Amino acid sequence: MMDRYPRLYADTSIRNNDIIGGRGLDADWEALLIRYSDRFMIGSDTWVNSQWERYDRAITASRLWLSWLPKSVGEMIAYGNAERLFKRQATESLIGQR
């Protein structure tokens, strides 16, 4: 889909278990995230209210696998792509806000 639709963006909501393989980053996910690092964004799926109860765990898991990627790729996925797409800088005052 990413090859076919060059303007397609995706988030990683509810994918931490898939992205984190048995002992590290799943190889297929790693290749995908690196190849399309300019089109993926972190997701926490908080549109479902019950997700707020697990928010800390979801973000901790996302931070873990982001740390396993090259720094520039992790930063793009964590906030850089969202900043560019939504034309809004992720300031410290916005981080962690509902």
PDB file of N, CA and C in Angstrom:
ATOM      1  N   MET A   1       0.827  -1.195   0.000  1.00  0.00           N
ATOM      2  CA  MET A   1       0.000   0.000   0.000  1.00  0.00           C
ATOM      3  C   MET A   1       0.871   1.258   0.000  1.00  0.00           C
ATOM      4  N   MET A   2       1.940   1.237   0.765  1.00  0.00           N
ATOM      5  CA  MET A   2       2.801   2.416   0.832  1.00  0.00           C
ATOM      6  C   MET A   2       3.464   2.678  -0.523  1.00  0.00           C
ATOM      7  N   ASP A   3       3.843   1.608  -1.228  1.00  0.00           N
ATOM      8  CA  ASP A   3       4.423   1.780  -2.561  1.00  0.00           C
ATOM      9  C   ASP A   3       3.385   2.315  -3.540  1.00  0.00           C
ATOM     10  N   ARG A   4       2.203   1.793  -3.453  1.00  0.00           N
ATOM     11  CA  ARG A   4       1.156   2.159  -4.408  1.00  0.00           C
ATOM     12  C   ARG A   4       0.617   3.564  -4.185  1.00  0.00           C
ATOM     13  N   TYR A   5       0.570   3.994  -2.926  1.00  0.00           N
ATOM     14  CA  TYR A   5      -0.002   5.298  -2.591  1.00  0.00           C
ATOM     15  C   TYR A   5       1.047   6.154  -1.883  1.00  0.00           C
ATOM     16  N   PRO A   6       1.792   6.940  -2.635  1.00  0.00           N
ATOM     17  CA  PRO A   6       2.905   7.696  -2.054  1.00  0.00           C
ATOM     18  C   PRO A   6       2.510   8.780  -1.058  1.00  0.00           C
ATOM     19  N   ARG A   7       1.243   9.109  -0.972  1.00  0.00           N
ATOM     20  CA  ARG A   7       0.800  10.107   0.009  1.00  0.00           C
ATOM     21  C   ARG A   7       0.100   9.457   1.201  1.00  0.00           C
ATOM     22  N   LEU A   8       0.197   8.144   1.306  1.00  0.00           N
ATOM     23  CA  LEU A   8      -0.414   7.406   2.408  1.00  0.00           C
ATOM     24  C   LEU A   8       0.470   7.496   3.653  1.00  0.00           C
ATOM     25  N   TYR A   9      -0.136   7.874   4.770  1.00  0.00           N
ATOM     26  CA  TYR A   9       0.528   7.885   6.069  1.00  0.00           C
ATOM     27  C   TYR A   9      -0.108   6.806   6.933  1.00  0.00           C
ATOM     28  N   ALA A  10       0.618   6.346   7.924  1.00  0.00           N
ATOM     29  CA  ALA A  10       0.089   5.329   8.833  1.00  0.00           C
ATOM     30  C   ALA A  10       0.576   5.610  10.244  1.00  0.00           C
ATOM     31  N   ASP A  11      -0.210   5.173  11.217  1.00  0.00           N
ATOM     32  CA  ASP A  11       0.257   5.261  12.600  1.00  0.00           C
ATOM     33  C   ASP A  11       0.432   3.856  13.145  1.00  0.00           C
ATOM     34  N   THR A  12       1.026   3.783  14.317  1.00  0.00           N
ATOM     35  CA  THR A  12       1.385   2.491  14.896  1.00  0.00           C
ATOM     36  C   THR A  12       0.453   2.059  16.027  1.00  0.00           C
ATOM     37  N   SER A  13      -0.752   2.601  16.063  1.00  0.00           N
ATOM     38  CA  SER A  13      -1.697   2.258  17.123  1.00  0.00           C
ATOM     39  C   SER A  13      -1.885   0.751  17.249  1.00  0.00           C
ATOM     40  N   ILE A  14      -1.828   0.274  18.471  1.00  0.00           N
ATOM     41  CA  ILE A  14      -2.066  -1.134  18.811  1.00  0.00           C
ATOM     42  C   ILE A  14      -1.164  -2.070  18.010  1.00  0.00           C
ATOM     43  N   ARG A  15       0.051  -1.659  17.724  1.00  0.00           N
ATOM     44  CA  ARG A  15       0.982  -2.504  16.973  1.00  0.00           C
ATOM     45  C   ARG A  15       2.257  -2.811  17.753  1.00  0.00           C
ATOM     46  N   ASN A  16       2.378  -2.346  18.988  1.00  0.00           N
ATOM     47  CA  ASN A  16       3.616  -2.550  19.735  1.00  0.00           C
ATOM     48  C   ASN A  16       4.000  -4.019  19.837  1.00  0.00           C
ATOM     49  N   ASN A  17       3.032  -4.895  20.078  1.00  0.00           N
ATOM     50  CA  ASN A  17       3.351  -6.322  20.194  1.00  0.00           C
ATOM     51  C   ASN A  17       3.841  -6.906  18.882  1.00  0.00           C
ATOM     52  N   ASP A  18       3.364  -6.383  17.772  1.00  0.00           N
ATOM     53  CA  ASP A  18       3.834  -6.837  16.463  1.00  0.00           C
ATOM     54  C   ASP A  18       5.227  -6.282  16.160  1.00  0.00           C
ATOM     55  N   ILE A  19       5.433  -5.021  16.493  1.00  0.00           N
ATOM     56  CA  ILE A  19       6.700  -4.348  16.185  1.00  0.00           C
ATOM     57  C   ILE A  19       7.832  -4.897  17.043  1.00  0.00           C
ATOM     58  N   ILE A  20       7.519  -5.170  18.308  1.00  0.00           N
ATOM     59  CA  ILE A  20       8.526  -5.742  19.199  1.00  0.00           C
ATOM     60  C   ILE A  20       8.505  -7.251  18.979  1.00  0.00           C
ATOM     61  N   GLY A  21       9.559  -7.754  18.364  1.00  0.00           N
ATOM     62  CA  GLY A  21       9.647  -9.194  18.110  1.00  0.00           C
ATOM     63  C   GLY A  21      10.014  -9.934  19.385  1.00  0.00           C
ATOM     64  N   GLY A  22      10.393 -11.172  19.259  1.00  0.00           N
ATOM     65  CA  GLY A  22      10.735 -11.979  20.422  1.00  0.00           C
ATOM     66  C   GLY A  22      11.836 -11.385  21.277  1.00  0.00           C
ATOM     67  N   ARG A  23      12.875 -10.866  20.655  1.00  0.00           N
ATOM     68  CA  ARG A  23      14.009 -10.317  21.417  1.00  0.00           C
ATOM     69  C   ARG A  23      14.462  -8.975  20.885  1.00  0.00           C
ATOM     70  N   GLY A  24      13.586  -8.247  20.308  1.00  0.00           N
ATOM     71  CA  GLY A  24      13.947  -6.948  19.746  1.00  0.00           C
ATOM     72  C   GLY A  24      12.948  -6.559  18.670  1.00  0.00           C
ATOM     73  N   LEU A  25      13.368  -5.675  17.834  1.00  0.00           N
ATOM     74  CA  LEU A  25      12.519  -5.175  16.767  1.00  0.00           C
ATOM     75  C   LEU A  25      12.269  -6.270  15.736  1.00  0.00           C
ATOM     76  N   ASP A  26      11.013  -6.515  15.411  1.00  0.00           N
ATOM     77  CA  ASP A  26      10.677  -7.478  14.376  1.00  0.00           C
ATOM     78  C   ASP A  26      11.322  -7.023  13.062  1.00  0.00           C
ATOM     79  N   ALA A  27      11.997  -7.921  12.364  1.00  0.00           N
ATOM     80  CA  ALA A  27      12.767  -7.571  11.168  1.00  0.00           C
ATOM     81  C   ALA A  27      11.897  -6.967  10.064  1.00  0.00           C
ATOM     82  N   ASP A  28      10.712  -7.524   9.856  1.00  0.00           N
ATOM     83  CA  ASP A  28       9.828  -6.988   8.815  1.00  0.00           C
ATOM     84  C   ASP A  28       9.356  -5.577   9.163  1.00  0.00           C
ATOM     85  N   TRP A  29       8.987  -5.378  10.432  1.00  0.00           N
ATOM     86  CA  TRP A  29       8.566  -4.050  10.855  1.00  0.00           C
ATOM     87  C   TRP A  29       9.732  -3.065  10.775  1.00  0.00           C
ATOM     88  N   GLU A  30      10.910  -3.494  11.182  1.00  0.00           N
ATOM     89  CA  GLU A  30      12.073  -2.611  11.115  1.00  0.00           C
ATOM     90  C   GLU A  30      12.305  -2.137   9.680  1.00  0.00           C
ATOM     91  N   ALA A  31      12.278  -3.061   8.739  1.00  0.00           N
ATOM     92  CA  ALA A  31      12.486  -2.702   7.333  1.00  0.00           C
ATOM     93  C   ALA A  31      11.403  -1.734   6.852  1.00  0.00           C
ATOM     94  N   LEU A  32      10.155  -2.005   7.223  1.00  0.00           N
ATOM     95  CA  LEU A  32       9.039  -1.158   6.818  1.00  0.00           C
ATOM     96  C   LEU A  32       9.160   0.240   7.415  1.00  0.00           C
ATOM     97  N   LEU A  33       9.452   0.312   8.711  1.00  0.00           N
ATOM     98  CA  LEU A  33       9.563   1.608   9.383  1.00  0.00           C
ATOM     99  C   LEU A  33      10.722   2.427   8.841  1.00  0.00           C
ATOM    100  N   ILE A  34      11.810   1.787   8.526  1.00  0.00           N
ATOM    101  CA  ILE A  34      12.957   2.514   7.968  1.00  0.00           C
ATOM    102  C   ILE A  34      12.659   2.955   6.536  1.00  0.00           C
ATOM    103  N   ARG A  35      12.108   2.059   5.739  1.00  0.00           N
ATOM    104  CA  ARG A  35      11.827   2.396   4.339  1.00  0.00           C
ATOM    105  C   ARG A  35      10.843   3.551   4.218  1.00  0.00           C
ATOM    106  N   TYR A  36       9.843   3.564   5.074  1.00  0.00           N
ATOM    107  CA  TYR A  36       8.821   4.607   5.022  1.00  0.00           C
ATOM    108  C   TYR A  36       8.874   5.492   6.266  1.00  0.00           C
ATOM    109  N   SER A  37      10.053   5.779   6.721  1.00  0.00           N
ATOM    110  CA  SER A  37      10.212   6.550   7.956  1.00  0.00           C
ATOM    111  C   SER A  37       9.610   7.944   7.858  1.00  0.00           C
ATOM    112  N   ASP A  38       9.407   8.435   6.657  1.00  0.00           N
ATOM    113  CA  ASP A  38       8.818   9.760   6.481  1.00  0.00           C
ATOM    114  C   ASP A  38       7.286   9.724   6.448  1.00  0.00           C
ATOM    115  N   ARG A  39       6.688   8.515   6.654  1.00  0.00           N
ATOM    116  CA  ARG A  39       5.236   8.402   6.563  1.00  0.00           C
ATOM    117  C   ARG A  39       4.579   7.649   7.710  1.00  0.00           C
ATOM    118  N   PHE A  40       5.354   7.244   8.696  1.00  0.00           N
ATOM    119  CA  PHE A  40       4.791   6.599   9.889  1.00  0.00           C
ATOM    120  C   PHE A  40       4.793   7.568  11.053  1.00  0.00           C
ATOM    121  N   MET A  41       3.801   7.418  11.927  1.00  0.00           N
ATOM    122  CA  MET A  41       3.705   8.213  13.145  1.00  0.00           C
ATOM    123  C   MET A  41       3.309   7.301  14.303  1.00  0.00           C
ATOM    124  N   ILE A  42       3.756   7.667  15.481  1.00  0.00           N
ATOM    125  CA  ILE A  42       3.365   6.943  16.687  1.00  0.00           C
ATOM    126  C   ILE A  42       1.861   7.080  16.869  1.00  0.00           C
ATOM    127  N   GLY A  43       1.242   6.020  17.321  1.00  0.00           N
ATOM    128  CA  GLY A  43      -0.179   6.065  17.635  1.00  0.00           C
ATOM    129  C   GLY A  43      -0.429   5.380  18.961  1.00  0.00           C
ATOM    130  N   SER A  44      -1.419   5.861  19.694  1.00  0.00           N
ATOM    131  CA  SER A  44      -1.735   5.259  20.988  1.00  0.00           C
ATOM    132  C   SER A  44      -3.186   4.794  21.064  1.00  0.00           C
ATOM    133  N   ASP A  45      -3.964   5.039  20.018  1.00  0.00           N
ATOM    134  CA  ASP A  45      -5.339   4.568  19.923  1.00  0.00           C
ATOM    135  C   ASP A  45      -6.195   5.014  21.103  1.00  0.00           C
ATOM    136  N   THR A  46      -6.017   6.263  21.520  1.00  0.00           N
ATOM    137  CA  THR A  46      -6.747   6.753  22.695  1.00  0.00           C
ATOM    138  C   THR A  46      -8.162   7.220  22.380  1.00  0.00           C
ATOM    139  N   TRP A  47      -8.633   7.001  21.164  1.00  0.00           N
ATOM    140  CA  TRP A  47     -10.032   7.328  20.886  1.00  0.00           C
ATOM    141  C   TRP A  47     -10.951   6.385  21.653  1.00  0.00           C
ATOM    142  N   VAL A  48     -10.408   5.243  22.054  1.00  0.00           N
ATOM    143  CA  VAL A  48     -11.133   4.319  22.915  1.00  0.00           C
ATOM    144  C   VAL A  48     -10.789   4.683  24.351  1.00  0.00           C
ATOM    145  N   ASN A  49     -11.766   5.094  25.129  1.00  0.00           N
ATOM    146  CA  ASN A  49     -11.487   5.588  26.478  1.00  0.00           C
ATOM    147  C   ASN A  49     -10.709   4.611  27.341  1.00  0.00           C
ATOM    148  N   SER A  50     -10.951   3.310  27.172  1.00  0.00           N
ATOM    149  CA  SER A  50     -10.259   2.330  28.010  1.00  0.00           C
ATOM    150  C   SER A  50      -8.752   2.323  27.752  1.00  0.00           C
ATOM    151  N   GLN A  51      -8.333   2.828  26.607  1.00  0.00           N
ATOM    152  CA  GLN A  51      -6.896   2.875  26.309  1.00  0.00           C
ATOM    153  C   GLN A  51      -6.152   3.815  27.255  1.00  0.00           C
ATOM    154  N   TRP A  52      -6.826   4.791  27.816  1.00  0.00           N
ATOM    155  CA  TRP A  52      -6.156   5.706  28.742  1.00  0.00           C
ATOM    156  C   TRP A  52      -5.629   4.960  29.970  1.00  0.00           C
ATOM    157  N   GLU A  53      -6.312   3.874  30.347  1.00  0.00           N
ATOM    158  CA  GLU A  53      -5.854   3.078  31.487  1.00  0.00           C
ATOM    159  C   GLU A  53      -4.531   2.376  31.196  1.00  0.00           C
ATOM    160  N   ARG A  54      -4.242   2.149  29.920  1.00  0.00           N
ATOM    161  CA  ARG A  54      -3.013   1.470  29.505  1.00  0.00           C
ATOM    162  C   ARG A  54      -2.051   2.401  28.775  1.00  0.00           C
ATOM    163  N   TYR A  55      -2.342   3.673  28.812  1.00  0.00           N
ATOM    164  CA  TYR A  55      -1.563   4.659  28.048  1.00  0.00           C
ATOM    165  C   TYR A  55      -0.076   4.607  28.398  1.00  0.00           C
ATOM    166  N   ASP A  56       0.241   4.598  29.686  1.00  0.00           N
ATOM    167  CA  ASP A  56       1.652   4.578  30.102  1.00  0.00           C
ATOM    168  C   ASP A  56       2.388   3.371  29.534  1.00  0.00           C
ATOM    169  N   ARG A  57       1.756   2.205  29.572  1.00  0.00           N
ATOM    170  CA  ARG A  57       2.386   0.985  29.029  1.00  0.00           C
ATOM    171  C   ARG A  57       2.572   1.081  27.523  1.00  0.00           C
ATOM    172  N   ALA A  58       1.577   1.616  26.836  1.00  0.00           N
ATOM    173  CA  ALA A  58       1.662   1.740  25.378  1.00  0.00           C
ATOM    174  C   ALA A  58       2.783   2.694  24.978  1.00  0.00           C
ATOM    175  N   ILE A  59       2.878   3.811  25.659  1.00  0.00           N
ATOM    176  CA  ILE A  59       3.912   4.788  25.324  1.00  0.00           C
ATOM    177  C   ILE A  59       5.290   4.254  25.704  1.00  0.00           C
ATOM    178  N   THR A  60       5.402   3.576  26.820  1.00  0.00           N
ATOM    179  CA  THR A  60       6.680   2.974  27.215  1.00  0.00           C
ATOM    180  C   THR A  60       7.136   1.964  26.172  1.00  0.00           C
ATOM    181  N   ALA A  61       6.220   1.126  25.687  1.00  0.00           N
ATOM    182  CA  ALA A  61       6.568   0.149  24.653  1.00  0.00           C
ATOM    183  C   ALA A  61       6.979   0.848  23.359  1.00  0.00           C
ATOM    184  N   SER A  62       6.254   1.898  22.985  1.00  0.00           N
ATOM    185  CA  SER A  62       6.614   2.642  21.772  1.00  0.00           C
ATOM    186  C   SER A  62       7.994   3.271  21.906  1.00  0.00           C
ATOM    187  N   ARG A  63       8.267   3.854  23.054  1.00  0.00           N
ATOM    188  CA  ARG A  63       9.592   4.457  23.268  1.00  0.00           C
ATOM    189  C   ARG A  63      10.697   3.409  23.185  1.00  0.00           C
ATOM    190  N   LEU A  64      10.406   2.203  23.648  1.00  0.00           N
ATOM    191  CA  LEU A  64      11.394   1.138  23.597  1.00  0.00           C
ATOM    192  C   LEU A  64      11.762   0.822  22.155  1.00  0.00           C
ATOM    193  N   TRP A  65      10.770   0.497  21.324  1.00  0.00           N
ATOM    194  CA  TRP A  65      11.130   0.124  19.954  1.00  0.00           C
ATOM    195  C   TRP A  65      11.628   1.307  19.144  1.00  0.00           C
ATOM    196  N   LEU A  66      11.176   2.514  19.458  1.00  0.00           N
ATOM    197  CA  LEU A  66      11.735   3.693  18.782  1.00  0.00           C
ATOM    198  C   LEU A  66      13.227   3.824  19.072  1.00  0.00           C
ATOM    199  N   SER A  67      13.626   3.467  20.284  1.00  0.00           N
ATOM    200  CA  SER A  67      15.038   3.576  20.666  1.00  0.00           C
ATOM    201  C   SER A  67      15.910   2.570  19.921  1.00  0.00           C
ATOM    202  N   TRP A  68      15.327   1.525  19.370  1.00  0.00           N
ATOM    203  CA  TRP A  68      16.078   0.514  18.629  1.00  0.00           C
ATOM    204  C   TRP A  68      16.297   0.910  17.167  1.00  0.00           C
ATOM    205  N   LEU A  69      15.602   1.940  16.706  1.00  0.00           N
ATOM    206  CA  LEU A  69      15.763   2.426  15.340  1.00  0.00           C
ATOM    207  C   LEU A  69      16.888   3.452  15.286  1.00  0.00           C
ATOM    208  N   PRO A  70      17.432   3.719  14.091  1.00  0.00           N
ATOM    209  CA  PRO A  70      18.379   4.833  13.995  1.00  0.00           C
ATOM    210  C   PRO A  70      17.719   6.102  14.543  1.00  0.00           C
ATOM    211  N   LYS A  71      18.491   6.927  15.213  1.00  0.00           N
ATOM    212  CA  LYS A  71      17.940   8.097  15.900  1.00  0.00           C
ATOM    213  C   LYS A  71      17.086   8.967  14.981  1.00  0.00           C
ATOM    214  N   SER A  72      17.563   9.238  13.791  1.00  0.00           N
ATOM    215  CA  SER A  72      16.811  10.107  12.877  1.00  0.00           C
ATOM    216  C   SER A  72      15.464   9.485  12.500  1.00  0.00           C
ATOM    217  N   VAL A  73      15.420   8.177  12.331  1.00  0.00           N
ATOM    218  CA  VAL A  73      14.178   7.481  12.001  1.00  0.00           C
ATOM    219  C   VAL A  73      13.219   7.534  13.194  1.00  0.00           C
ATOM    220  N   GLY A  74      13.723   7.235  14.384  1.00  0.00           N
ATOM    221  CA  GLY A  74      12.896   7.278  15.581  1.00  0.00           C
ATOM    222  C   GLY A  74      12.295   8.645  15.820  1.00  0.00           C
ATOM    223  N   GLU A  75      13.075   9.691  15.607  1.00  0.00           N
ATOM    224  CA  GLU A  75      12.571  11.053  15.813  1.00  0.00           C
ATOM    225  C   GLU A  75      11.503  11.416  14.786  1.00  0.00           C
ATOM    226  N   MET A  76      11.686  10.974  13.553  1.00  0.00           N
ATOM    227  CA  MET A  76      10.673  11.249  12.528  1.00  0.00           C
ATOM    228  C   MET A  76       9.349  10.586  12.887  1.00  0.00           C
ATOM    229  N   ILE A  77       9.416   9.319  13.305  1.00  0.00           N
ATOM    230  CA  ILE A  77       8.202   8.583  13.629  1.00  0.00           C
ATOM    231  C   ILE A  77       7.579   9.108  14.920  1.00  0.00           C
ATOM    232  N   ALA A  78       8.404   9.432  15.893  1.00  0.00           N
ATOM    233  CA  ALA A  78       7.904   9.891  17.195  1.00  0.00           C
ATOM    234  C   ALA A  78       7.184  11.232  17.103  1.00  0.00           C
ATOM    235  N   TYR A  79       7.732  12.175  16.332  1.00  0.00           N
ATOM    236  CA  TYR A  79       7.098  13.499  16.285  1.00  0.00           C
ATOM    237  C   TYR A  79       7.346  14.274  14.992  1.00  0.00           C
ATOM    238  N   GLY A  80       8.429  14.014  14.302  1.00  0.00           N
ATOM    239  CA  GLY A  80       8.781  14.812  13.130  1.00  0.00           C
ATOM    240  C   GLY A  80       7.765  14.767  12.006  1.00  0.00           C
ATOM    241  N   ASN A  81       7.264  13.586  11.697  1.00  0.00           N
ATOM    242  CA  ASN A  81       6.287  13.467  10.617  1.00  0.00           C
ATOM    243  C   ASN A  81       4.975  14.150  10.980  1.00  0.00           C
ATOM    244  N   ALA A  82       4.557  14.038  12.225  1.00  0.00           N
ATOM    245  CA  ALA A  82       3.322  14.703  12.664  1.00  0.00           C
ATOM    246  C   ALA A  82       3.492  16.219  12.599  1.00  0.00           C
ATOM    247  N   GLU A  83       4.658  16.707  13.016  1.00  0.00           N
ATOM    248  CA  GLU A  83       4.912  18.149  12.927  1.00  0.00           C
ATOM    249  C   GLU A  83       4.776  18.625  11.488  1.00  0.00           C
ATOM    250  N   ARG A  84       5.389  17.903  10.575  1.00  0.00           N
ATOM    251  CA  ARG A  84       5.360  18.289   9.164  1.00  0.00           C
ATOM    252  C   ARG A  84       3.941  18.181   8.595  1.00  0.00           C
ATOM    253  N   LEU A  85       3.258  17.076   8.872  1.00  0.00           N
ATOM    254  CA  LEU A  85       1.938  16.846   8.309  1.00  0.00           C
ATOM    255  C   LEU A  85       0.902  17.831   8.840  1.00  0.00           C
ATOM    256  N   PHE A  86       0.940  18.087  10.141  1.00  0.00           N
ATOM    257  CA  PHE A  86      -0.058  18.948  10.767  1.00  0.00           C
ATOM    258  C   PHE A  86       0.391  20.393  10.933  1.00  0.00           C
ATOM    259  N   LYS A  87       1.629  20.669  10.471  1.00  0.00           N
ATOM    260  CA  LYS A  87       2.175  22.037  10.524  1.00  0.00           C
ATOM    261  C   LYS A  87       2.074  22.630  11.933  1.00  0.00           C
ATOM    262  N   ARG A  88       2.504  21.809  12.893  1.00  0.00           N
ATOM    263  CA  ARG A  88       2.462  22.225  14.296  1.00  0.00           C
ATOM    264  C   ARG A  88       3.648  21.604  15.009  1.00  0.00           C
ATOM    265  N   GLN A  89       4.400  22.423  15.721  1.00  0.00           N
ATOM    266  CA  GLN A  89       5.580  21.927  16.424  1.00  0.00           C
ATOM    267  C   GLN A  89       5.176  21.230  17.720  1.00  0.00           C
ATOM    268  N   ALA A  90       5.794  20.079  17.967  1.00  0.00           N
ATOM    269  CA  ALA A  90       5.542  19.337  19.202  1.00  0.00           C
ATOM    270  C   ALA A  90       6.378  19.966  20.310  1.00  0.00           C
ATOM    271  N   THR A  91       5.783  20.900  21.019  1.00  0.00           N
ATOM    272  CA  THR A  91       6.487  21.576  22.101  1.00  0.00           C
ATOM    273  C   THR A  91       6.408  20.756  23.380  1.00  0.00           C
ATOM    274  N   GLU A  92       7.282  21.034  24.290  1.00  0.00           N
ATOM    275  CA  GLU A  92       7.302  20.302  25.567  1.00  0.00           C
ATOM    276  C   GLU A  92       5.963  20.454  26.294  1.00  0.00           C
ATOM    277  N   SER A  93       5.316  21.594  26.144  1.00  0.00           N
ATOM    278  CA  SER A  93       4.037  21.793  26.845  1.00  0.00           C
ATOM    279  C   SER A  93       2.929  20.910  26.276  1.00  0.00           C
ATOM    280  N   LEU A  94       3.066  20.417  25.055  1.00  0.00           N
ATOM    281  CA  LEU A  94       2.066  19.547  24.454  1.00  0.00           C
ATOM    282  C   LEU A  94       2.323  18.067  24.703  1.00  0.00           C
ATOM    283  N   ILE A  95       3.537  17.694  24.991  1.00  0.00           N
ATOM    284  CA  ILE A  95       3.880  16.292  25.131  1.00  0.00           C
ATOM    285  C   ILE A  95       3.196  15.700  26.352  1.00  0.00           C
ATOM    286  N   GLY A  96       2.523  14.585  26.133  1.00  0.00           N
ATOM    287  CA  GLY A  96       1.842  13.895  27.220  1.00  0.00           C
ATOM    288  C   GLY A  96       0.481  14.455  27.548  1.00  0.00           C
ATOM    289  N   GLN A  97      -0.016  15.385  26.731  1.00  0.00           N
ATOM    290  CA  GLN A  97      -1.329  15.958  26.992  1.00  0.00           C
ATOM    291  C   GLN A  97      -2.411  15.154  26.295  1.00  0.00           C
ATOM    292  N   ARG A  98      -3.554  15.105  26.897  1.00  0.00           N
ATOM    293  CA  ARG A  98      -4.685  14.391  26.299  1.00  0.00           C
ATOM    294  C   ARG A  98      -5.337  15.254  25.246  1.00  0.00           C
TER     295      ARG A  98
END
